[in-house]
């Protein structure tokens, strides 16, 4: 869970930096559509950095974290890499071939949320 906590912090910091970069440096460089695509990647990265933070903190509350919680964390990380990463490549480099990767990241996000729900239902309360 410590690794998830560190990755969540890194993803959150990179989201803030990416948002600032978009506002200041990219606004004049990208089309409005490309900037919107980039900002969507930033937004979903931050949402899932926070979700990963929740996973990490929940995992620290029990001596043996649920395997569903671990799967959830890795799914959120995979989702950020595939979903947000593909949007960054599309908007910054014009690599539209990565368009089909974006929905795979969305599926990873859904898996993460589903596994988090299962972990919540299967974890005994104190």
Protein backbone atom coordinates (compact mmCIF):
# COMPACT_ATOMS: atom_id res chain seq x y z
CA UNK A 1 0.00 0.00 0.00
CA UNK A 2 2.96 2.28 0.55
CA UNK A 3 3.79 2.06 -3.17
CA UNK A 4 0.21 3.05 -4.05
CA UNK A 5 0.48 6.03 -1.71
CA UNK A 6 3.70 7.17 -3.39
CA UNK A 7 2.31 6.68 -6.90
CA UNK A 8 -0.89 8.54 -5.96
CA UNK A 9 1.17 11.49 -4.73
CA UNK A 10 3.28 11.47 -7.90
CA UNK A 11 0.23 11.27 -10.19
CA UNK A 12 -1.43 14.12 -8.28
CA UNK A 13 1.66 16.32 -8.51
CA UNK A 14 2.03 15.58 -12.23
CA UNK A 15 -1.64 16.48 -12.74
CA UNK A 16 -1.13 19.87 -11.13
CA UNK A 17 2.05 20.46 -13.15
CA UNK A 18 0.34 19.32 -16.35
CA UNK A 19 -2.62 21.61 -15.74
CA UNK A 20 -0.32 24.57 -15.19
CA UNK A 21 1.69 23.63 -18.29
CA UNK A 22 -1.52 23.49 -20.33
CA UNK A 23 -2.71 26.86 -19.04
CA UNK A 24 0.54 28.69 -19.62
CA UNK A 25 2.61 26.99 -22.30
CA UNK A 26 0.20 24.95 -24.38
CA UNK A 27 -2.65 27.41 -24.75
CA UNK A 28 -0.86 29.24 -27.58
CA UNK A 29 0.59 26.05 -29.10
CA UNK A 30 -2.40 23.70 -29.39
CA UNK A 31 -5.75 23.95 -31.07
CA UNK A 32 -8.74 24.35 -28.81
CA UNK A 33 -9.71 20.71 -29.48
CA UNK A 34 -6.21 19.40 -28.65
CA UNK A 35 -6.15 21.47 -25.47
CA UNK A 36 -9.53 20.04 -24.46
CA UNK A 37 -8.23 16.49 -25.05
CA UNK A 38 -5.10 17.22 -23.00
CA UNK A 39 -7.17 18.68 -20.14
CA UNK A 40 -9.43 15.63 -20.14
CA UNK A 41 -6.35 13.48 -19.58
CA UNK A 42 -5.23 15.75 -16.73
CA UNK A 43 -8.66 15.69 -15.10
CA UNK A 44 -9.00 11.90 -15.19
CA UNK A 45 -5.43 11.51 -13.96
CA UNK A 46 -6.24 13.64 -10.90
CA UNK A 47 -9.53 11.83 -10.22
CA UNK A 48 -7.72 8.52 -10.22
CA UNK A 49 -4.73 9.79 -8.25
CA UNK A 50 -7.29 10.57 -5.54
CA UNK A 51 -8.94 7.17 -5.98
CA UNK A 52 -5.52 5.50 -5.65
CA UNK A 53 -4.89 7.58 -2.53
CA UNK A 54 -8.13 6.21 -1.06
CA UNK A 55 -7.07 2.66 -1.95
CA UNK A 56 -3.69 3.19 -0.27
CA UNK A 57 -5.21 4.64 2.87
CA UNK A 58 -7.90 1.96 3.09
CA UNK A 59 -5.27 -0.71 2.65
CA UNK A 60 -3.36 0.65 5.62
CA UNK A 61 -6.34 0.24 7.95
CA UNK A 62 -6.19 -3.57 8.02
CA UNK A 63 -3.28 -5.91 8.73
CA UNK A 64 -3.95 -7.86 5.52
CA UNK A 65 -5.46 -5.69 2.78
CA UNK A 66 -8.04 -7.29 0.53
CA UNK A 67 -6.67 -8.61 -2.77
CA UNK A 68 -9.57 -6.74 -4.37
CA UNK A 69 -8.07 -3.52 -3.05
CA UNK A 70 -4.70 -4.38 -4.60
CA UNK A 71 -6.32 -5.17 -7.95
CA UNK A 72 -8.21 -1.89 -7.72
CA UNK A 73 -5.01 0.08 -7.20
CA UNK A 74 -3.21 -1.53 -10.14
CA UNK A 75 -6.29 -1.03 -12.32
CA UNK A 76 -6.34 2.69 -11.50
CA UNK A 77 -2.65 2.99 -12.36
CA UNK A 78 -3.16 1.07 -15.61
CA UNK A 79 -6.12 3.29 -16.43
CA UNK A 80 -4.09 6.46 -15.97
CA UNK A 81 -1.28 5.15 -18.17
CA UNK A 82 -3.63 4.00 -20.95
CA UNK A 83 -6.41 6.61 -20.78
CA UNK A 84 -4.55 9.77 -19.85
CA UNK A 85 -1.34 8.69 -21.57
CA UNK A 86 -3.09 8.10 -24.87
CA UNK A 87 -4.84 11.48 -24.63
CA UNK A 88 -1.49 13.19 -24.02
CA UNK A 89 0.01 11.49 -27.07
CA UNK A 90 -2.99 12.39 -29.21
CA UNK A 91 -3.06 16.04 -28.15
CA UNK A 92 0.67 16.77 -27.97
CA UNK A 93 2.08 14.61 -30.77
CA UNK A 94 -0.98 14.21 -32.98
CA UNK A 95 -0.67 10.42 -32.71
CA UNK A 96 -4.27 9.58 -33.47
CA UNK A 97 -3.33 5.90 -33.76
CA UNK A 98 -3.48 5.84 -29.94
CA UNK A 99 -7.22 6.63 -30.03
CA UNK A 100 -8.21 2.96 -29.61
CA UNK A 101 -6.07 2.75 -26.45
CA UNK A 102 -8.17 5.36 -24.62
CA UNK A 103 -11.23 3.10 -24.11
CA UNK A 104 -8.97 0.36 -22.71
CA UNK A 105 -7.91 2.83 -20.05
CA UNK A 106 -11.56 3.58 -19.38
CA UNK A 107 -12.21 -0.13 -18.89
CA UNK A 108 -9.28 -0.29 -16.45
CA UNK A 109 -10.85 2.59 -14.50
CA UNK A 110 -14.16 0.70 -14.35
CA UNK A 111 -12.39 -2.45 -13.17
CA UNK A 112 -10.70 -0.39 -10.47
CA UNK A 113 -13.96 1.06 -9.22
CA UNK A 114 -15.67 -2.33 -9.34
CA UNK A 115 -12.88 -3.99 -7.38
CA UNK A 116 -12.94 -1.16 -4.86
CA UNK A 117 -16.67 -1.77 -4.36
CA UNK A 118 -16.08 -5.51 -3.87
CA UNK A 119 -13.28 -4.78 -1.39
CA UNK A 120 -15.62 -2.50 0.53
CA UNK A 121 -18.31 -5.17 0.71
CA UNK A 122 -15.92 -7.98 1.68
CA UNK A 123 -13.83 -6.11 4.26
CA UNK A 124 -15.06 -6.71 7.79
CA UNK A 125 -15.90 -3.58 9.76
CA UNK A 126 -14.21 -2.82 13.05
